[in-house]
Amino acid sequence: MVLPSLSKLFRKVLAETANIGRAMGVLPPDNIEDLLWATALELPSGLRASTAVDLEFGRSLEIEWV
């Protein structure tokens, strides 16, 4: 399920990240945000970050090392 509010936030993050890269001299395709969004939409709906799973099960988090 795609939540509109999270979709909007994710797309803003993609755009900001691409713009930072461009400002630093990285030249991604002009439509990189759309390409990455399309890729994200193809991910399995139950996919979760390993940190979220660790948090759910009370495991140690890697946050300090990251």
PDB file of N, CA and C in Angstrom:
ATOM      1  N   MET A   1       0.841  -1.181   0.000  1.00  0.00           N
ATOM      2  CA  MET A   1       0.000   0.000   0.000  1.00  0.00           C
ATOM      3  C   MET A   1       0.887   1.245   0.000  1.00  0.00           C
ATOM      4  N   VAL A   2       0.557   2.173  -0.844  1.00  0.00           N
ATOM      5  CA  VAL A   2       1.307   3.421  -0.947  1.00  0.00           C
ATOM      6  C   VAL A   2       0.520   4.513  -0.226  1.00  0.00           C
ATOM      7  N   LEU A   3       1.133   5.096   0.794  1.00  0.00           N
ATOM      8  CA  LEU A   3       0.497   6.184   1.535  1.00  0.00           C
ATOM      9  C   LEU A   3       0.890   7.513   0.905  1.00  0.00           C
ATOM     10  N   PRO A   4      -0.083   8.322   0.511  1.00  0.00           N
ATOM     11  CA  PRO A   4       0.234   9.581  -0.175  1.00  0.00           C
ATOM     12  C   PRO A   4       1.201  10.477   0.596  1.00  0.00           C
ATOM     13  N   SER A   5       1.015  10.605   1.902  1.00  0.00           N
ATOM     14  CA  SER A   5       1.885  11.512   2.666  1.00  0.00           C
ATOM     15  C   SER A   5       3.323  10.999   2.690  1.00  0.00           C
ATOM     16  N   LEU A   6       3.507   9.684   2.831  1.00  0.00           N
ATOM     17  CA  LEU A   6       4.859   9.136   2.829  1.00  0.00           C
ATOM     18  C   LEU A   6       5.456   9.144   1.429  1.00  0.00           C
ATOM     19  N   SER A   7       4.623   8.940   0.428  1.00  0.00           N
ATOM     20  CA  SER A   7       5.095   9.008  -0.951  1.00  0.00           C
ATOM     21  C   SER A   7       5.640  10.396  -1.260  1.00  0.00           C
ATOM     22  N   LYS A   8       4.916  11.403  -0.829  1.00  0.00           N
ATOM     23  CA  LYS A   8       5.343  12.783  -1.059  1.00  0.00           C
ATOM     24  C   LYS A   8       6.675  13.054  -0.352  1.00  0.00           C
ATOM     25  N   LEU A   9       6.794  12.603   0.895  1.00  0.00           N
ATOM     26  CA  LEU A   9       8.036  12.790   1.646  1.00  0.00           C
ATOM     27  C   LEU A   9       9.195  12.064   0.965  1.00  0.00           C
ATOM     28  N   PHE A  10       8.964  10.814   0.558  1.00  0.00           N
ATOM     29  CA  PHE A  10      10.025  10.034  -0.081  1.00  0.00           C
ATOM     30  C   PHE A  10      10.483  10.696  -1.374  1.00  0.00           C
ATOM     31  N   ARG A  11       9.532  11.191  -2.145  1.00  0.00           N
ATOM     32  CA  ARG A  11       9.901  11.853  -3.401  1.00  0.00           C
ATOM     33  C   ARG A  11      10.686  13.139  -3.140  1.00  0.00           C
ATOM     34  N   LYS A  12      10.354  13.844  -2.043  1.00  0.00           N
ATOM     35  CA  LYS A  12      11.128  15.039  -1.674  1.00  0.00           C
ATOM     36  C   LYS A  12      12.554  14.652  -1.285  1.00  0.00           C
ATOM     37  N   VAL A  13      12.697  13.550  -0.558  1.00  0.00           N
ATOM     38  CA  VAL A  13      14.026  13.072  -0.176  1.00  0.00           C
ATOM     39  C   VAL A  13      14.830  12.707  -1.423  1.00  0.00           C
ATOM     40  N   LEU A  14      14.197  12.027  -2.366  1.00  0.00           N
ATOM     41  CA  LEU A  14      14.883  11.689  -3.621  1.00  0.00           C
ATOM     42  C   LEU A  14      15.362  12.949  -4.339  1.00  0.00           C
ATOM     43  N   ALA A  15      14.484  13.936  -4.439  1.00  0.00           N
ATOM     44  CA  ALA A  15      14.831  15.174  -5.145  1.00  0.00           C
ATOM     45  C   ALA A  15      15.960  15.910  -4.429  1.00  0.00           C
ATOM     46  N   GLU A  16      15.876  15.988  -3.108  1.00  0.00           N
ATOM     47  CA  GLU A  16      16.914  16.697  -2.357  1.00  0.00           C
ATOM     48  C   GLU A  16      18.258  15.982  -2.485  1.00  0.00           C
ATOM     49  N   THR A  17      18.232  14.663  -2.411  1.00  0.00           N
ATOM     50  CA  THR A  17      19.466  13.901  -2.542  1.00  0.00           C
ATOM     51  C   THR A  17      20.073  14.088  -3.926  1.00  0.00           C
ATOM     52  N   ALA A  18      19.244  14.036  -4.949  1.00  0.00           N
ATOM     53  CA  ALA A  18      19.740  14.248  -6.312  1.00  0.00           C
ATOM     54  C   ALA A  18      20.310  15.655  -6.465  1.00  0.00           C
ATOM     55  N   ASN A  19      19.653  16.638  -5.891  1.00  0.00           N
ATOM     56  CA  ASN A  19      20.133  18.020  -5.988  1.00  0.00           C
ATOM     57  C   ASN A  19      21.454  18.215  -5.258  1.00  0.00           C
ATOM     58  N   ILE A  20      21.620  17.562  -4.121  1.00  0.00           N
ATOM     59  CA  ILE A  20      22.898  17.641  -3.395  1.00  0.00           C
ATOM     60  C   ILE A  20      24.000  17.028  -4.255  1.00  0.00           C
ATOM     61  N   GLY A  21      23.697  15.877  -4.837  1.00  0.00           N
ATOM     62  CA  GLY A  21      24.678  15.247  -5.721  1.00  0.00           C
ATOM     63  C   GLY A  21      25.052  16.158  -6.876  1.00  0.00           C
ATOM     64  N   ARG A  22      24.058  16.757  -7.495  1.00  0.00           N
ATOM     65  CA  ARG A  22      24.326  17.672  -8.616  1.00  0.00           C
ATOM     66  C   ARG A  22      25.194  18.849  -8.167  1.00  0.00           C
ATOM     67  N   ALA A  23      24.898  19.378  -6.977  1.00  0.00           N
ATOM     68  CA  ALA A  23      25.674  20.507  -6.449  1.00  0.00           C
ATOM     69  C   ALA A  23      27.121  20.101  -6.164  1.00  0.00           C
ATOM     70  N   MET A  24      27.334  18.816  -5.922  1.00  0.00           N
ATOM     71  CA  MET A  24      28.682  18.318  -5.636  1.00  0.00           C
ATOM     72  C   MET A  24      29.375  17.791  -6.891  1.00  0.00           C
ATOM     73  N   GLY A  25      28.727  17.960  -8.040  1.00  0.00           N
ATOM     74  CA  GLY A  25      29.351  17.585  -9.292  1.00  0.00           C
ATOM     75  C   GLY A  25      28.981  16.207  -9.822  1.00  0.00           C
ATOM     76  N   VAL A  26      28.085  15.510  -9.127  1.00  0.00           N
ATOM     77  CA  VAL A  26      27.603  14.225  -9.630  1.00  0.00           C
ATOM     78  C   VAL A  26      26.506  14.524 -10.641  1.00  0.00           C
ATOM     79  N   LEU A  27      26.532  13.860 -11.765  1.00  0.00           N
ATOM     80  CA  LEU A  27      25.562  14.153 -12.807  1.00  0.00           C
ATOM     81  C   LEU A  27      24.668  12.938 -13.079  1.00  0.00           C
ATOM     82  N   PRO A  28      23.666  12.736 -12.217  1.00  0.00           N
ATOM     83  CA  PRO A  28      22.738  11.632 -12.476  1.00  0.00           C
ATOM     84  C   PRO A  28      21.832  11.996 -13.650  1.00  0.00           C
ATOM     85  N   PRO A  29      21.127  11.015 -14.199  1.00  0.00           N
ATOM     86  CA  PRO A  29      20.168  11.337 -15.260  1.00  0.00           C
ATOM     87  C   PRO A  29      19.166  12.384 -14.772  1.00  0.00           C
ATOM     88  N   ASP A  30      18.680  13.198 -15.699  1.00  0.00           N
ATOM     89  CA  ASP A  30      17.719  14.245 -15.323  1.00  0.00           C
ATOM     90  C   ASP A  30      16.481  13.677 -14.647  1.00  0.00           C
ATOM     91  N   ASN A  31      16.118  12.447 -14.985  1.00  0.00           N
ATOM     92  CA  ASN A  31      14.906  11.849 -14.428  1.00  0.00           C
ATOM     93  C   ASN A  31      15.211  10.821 -13.323  1.00  0.00           C
ATOM     94  N   ILE A  32      16.338  10.980 -12.638  1.00  0.00           N
ATOM     95  CA  ILE A  32      16.750  10.002 -11.630  1.00  0.00           C
ATOM     96  C   ILE A  32      15.692   9.819 -10.542  1.00  0.00           C
ATOM     97  N   GLU A  33      15.040  10.915 -10.153  1.00  0.00           N
ATOM     98  CA  GLU A  33      14.010  10.816  -9.123  1.00  0.00           C
ATOM     99  C   GLU A  33      12.877   9.896  -9.577  1.00  0.00           C
ATOM    100  N   ASP A  34      12.454  10.058 -10.819  1.00  0.00           N
ATOM    101  CA  ASP A  34      11.377   9.211 -11.351  1.00  0.00           C
ATOM    102  C   ASP A  34      11.823   7.755 -11.478  1.00  0.00           C
ATOM    103  N   LEU A  35      13.064   7.549 -11.896  1.00  0.00           N
ATOM    104  CA  LEU A  35      13.583   6.186 -12.026  1.00  0.00           C
ATOM    105  C   LEU A  35      13.636   5.487 -10.670  1.00  0.00           C
ATOM    106  N   LEU A  36      14.120   6.204  -9.650  1.00  0.00           N
ATOM    107  CA  LEU A  36      14.205   5.611  -8.316  1.00  0.00           C
ATOM    108  C   LEU A  36      12.821   5.381  -7.713  1.00  0.00           C
ATOM    109  N   TRP A  37      11.904   6.294  -7.969  1.00  0.00           N
ATOM    110  CA  TRP A  37      10.537   6.128  -7.477  1.00  0.00           C
ATOM    111  C   TRP A  37       9.911   4.882  -8.098  1.00  0.00           C
ATOM    112  N   ALA A  38      10.107   4.696  -9.395  1.00  0.00           N
ATOM    113  CA  ALA A  38       9.567   3.517 -10.073  1.00  0.00           C
ATOM    114  C   ALA A  38      10.170   2.241  -9.485  1.00  0.00           C
ATOM    115  N   THR A  39      11.446   2.272  -9.175  1.00  0.00           N
ATOM    116  CA  THR A  39      12.102   1.121  -8.552  1.00  0.00           C
ATOM    117  C   THR A  39      11.514   0.853  -7.173  1.00  0.00           C
ATOM    118  N   ALA A  40      11.300   1.907  -6.401  1.00  0.00           N
ATOM    119  CA  ALA A  40      10.729   1.752  -5.060  1.00  0.00           C
ATOM    120  C   ALA A  40       9.333   1.140  -5.128  1.00  0.00           C
ATOM    121  N   LEU A  41       8.559   1.520  -6.120  1.00  0.00           N
ATOM    122  CA  LEU A  41       7.208   0.976  -6.255  1.00  0.00           C
ATOM    123  C   LEU A  41       7.206  -0.517  -6.585  1.00  0.00           C
ATOM    124  N   GLU A  42       8.306  -1.015  -7.116  1.00  0.00           N
ATOM    125  CA  GLU A  42       8.412  -2.432  -7.462  1.00  0.00           C
ATOM    126  C   GLU A  42       8.867  -3.297  -6.288  1.00  0.00           C
ATOM    127  N   LEU A  43       9.302  -2.682  -5.189  1.00  0.00           N
ATOM    128  CA  LEU A  43       9.765  -3.457  -4.038  1.00  0.00           C
ATOM    129  C   LEU A  43       8.592  -4.206  -3.410  1.00  0.00           C
ATOM    130  N   PRO A  44       8.855  -5.360  -2.804  1.00  0.00           N
ATOM    131  CA  PRO A  44       7.774  -6.110  -2.150  1.00  0.00           C
ATOM    132  C   PRO A  44       7.105  -5.269  -1.061  1.00  0.00           C
ATOM    133  N   SER A  45       5.804  -5.382  -0.961  1.00  0.00           N
ATOM    134  CA  SER A  45       5.059  -4.542  -0.017  1.00  0.00           C
ATOM    135  C   SER A  45       5.438  -4.793   1.435  1.00  0.00           C
ATOM    136  N   GLY A  46       5.887  -5.984   1.778  1.00  0.00           N
ATOM    137  CA  GLY A  46       6.249  -6.294   3.160  1.00  0.00           C
ATOM    138  C   GLY A  46       7.688  -5.994   3.517  1.00  0.00           C
ATOM    139  N   LEU A  47       8.428  -5.417   2.580  1.00  0.00           N
ATOM    140  CA  LEU A  47       9.843  -5.132   2.813  1.00  0.00           C
ATOM    141  C   LEU A  47      10.006  -4.120   3.939  1.00  0.00           C
ATOM    142  N   ARG A  48      10.938  -4.404   4.838  1.00  0.00           N
ATOM    143  CA  ARG A  48      11.204  -3.484   5.951  1.00  0.00           C
ATOM    144  C   ARG A  48      12.702  -3.372   6.159  1.00  0.00           C
ATOM    145  N   ALA A  49      13.111  -2.228   6.648  1.00  0.00           N
ATOM    146  CA  ALA A  49      14.522  -2.013   6.953  1.00  0.00           C
ATOM    147  C   ALA A  49      14.943  -2.918   8.103  1.00  0.00           C
ATOM    148  N   SER A  50      16.177  -3.395   8.056  1.00  0.00           N
ATOM    149  CA  SER A  50      16.655  -4.280   9.110  1.00  0.00           C
ATOM    150  C   SER A  50      16.621  -3.598  10.470  1.00  0.00           C
ATOM    151  N   THR A  51      16.831  -2.281  10.505  1.00  0.00           N
ATOM    152  CA  THR A  51      16.764  -1.558  11.772  1.00  0.00           C
ATOM    153  C   THR A  51      15.364  -1.616  12.360  1.00  0.00           C
ATOM    154  N   ALA A  52      14.343  -1.519  11.518  1.00  0.00           N
ATOM    155  CA  ALA A  52      12.962  -1.608  12.002  1.00  0.00           C
ATOM    156  C   ALA A  52      12.682  -2.978  12.592  1.00  0.00           C
ATOM    157  N   VAL A  53      13.186  -4.023  11.951  1.00  0.00           N
ATOM    158  CA  VAL A  53      12.995  -5.389  12.454  1.00  0.00           C
ATOM    159  C   VAL A  53      13.732  -5.559  13.781  1.00  0.00           C
ATOM    160  N   ASP A  54      14.972  -5.085  13.854  1.00  0.00           N
ATOM    161  CA  ASP A  54      15.732  -5.183  15.102  1.00  0.00           C
ATOM    162  C   ASP A  54      15.029  -4.453  16.238  1.00  0.00           C
ATOM    163  N   LEU A  55      14.510  -3.279  15.948  1.00  0.00           N
ATOM    164  CA  LEU A  55      13.794  -2.497  16.960  1.00  0.00           C
ATOM    165  C   LEU A  55      12.554  -3.244  17.440  1.00  0.00           C
ATOM    166  N   GLU A  56      11.818  -3.815  16.521  1.00  0.00           N
ATOM    167  CA  GLU A  56      10.608  -4.553  16.862  1.00  0.00           C
ATOM    168  C   GLU A  56      10.899  -5.727  17.790  1.00  0.00           C
ATOM    169  N   PHE A  57      12.009  -6.413  17.563  1.00  0.00           N
ATOM    170  CA  PHE A  57      12.332  -7.599  18.340  1.00  0.00           C
ATOM    171  C   PHE A  57      13.288  -7.322  19.503  1.00  0.00           C
ATOM    172  N   GLY A  58      13.534  -6.040  19.788  1.00  0.00           N
ATOM    173  CA  GLY A  58      14.356  -5.678  20.935  1.00  0.00           C
ATOM    174  C   GLY A  58      15.832  -6.005  20.776  1.00  0.00           C
ATOM    175  N   ARG A  59      16.291  -6.124  19.559  1.00  0.00           N
ATOM    176  CA  ARG A  59      17.694  -6.418  19.304  1.00  0.00           C
ATOM    177  C   ARG A  59      18.532  -5.153  19.389  1.00  0.00           C
ATOM    178  N   SER A  60      19.834  -5.343  19.539  1.00  0.00           N
ATOM    179  CA  SER A  60      20.753  -4.208  19.526  1.00  0.00           C
ATOM    180  C   SER A  60      20.679  -3.512  18.176  1.00  0.00           C
ATOM    181  N   LEU A  61      20.758  -2.203  18.204  1.00  0.00           N
ATOM    182  CA  LEU A  61      20.720  -1.432  16.970  1.00  0.00           C
ATOM    183  C   LEU A  61      22.129  -1.042  16.534  1.00  0.00           C
ATOM    184  N   GLU A  62      22.294  -0.862  15.240  1.00  0.00           N
ATOM    185  CA  GLU A  62      23.591  -0.509  14.662  1.00  0.00           C
ATOM    186  C   GLU A  62      23.783   1.000  14.560  1.00  0.00           C
ATOM    187  N   ILE A  63      22.856   1.751  15.095  1.00  0.00           N
ATOM    188  CA  ILE A  63      22.837   3.202  14.890  1.00  0.00           C
ATOM    189  C   ILE A  63      24.148   3.862  15.324  1.00  0.00           C
ATOM    190  N   GLU A  64      24.693   3.455  16.480  1.00  0.00           N
ATOM    191  CA  GLU A  64      25.932   4.085  16.953  1.00  0.00           C
ATOM    192  C   GLU A  64      27.091   3.850  15.999  1.00  0.00           C
ATOM    193  N   TRP A  65      27.119   2.661  15.360  1.00  0.00           N
ATOM    194  CA  TRP A  65      28.221   2.345  14.443  1.00  0.00           C
ATOM    195  C   TRP A  65      28.036   3.039  13.107  1.00  0.00           C
ATOM    196  N   VAL A  66      26.821   3.297  12.737  1.00  0.00           N
ATOM    197  CA  VAL A  66      26.566   3.950  11.465  1.00  0.00           C
ATOM    198  C   VAL A  66      26.879   5.418  11.617  1.00  0.00           C
TER     199      VAL A  66
END
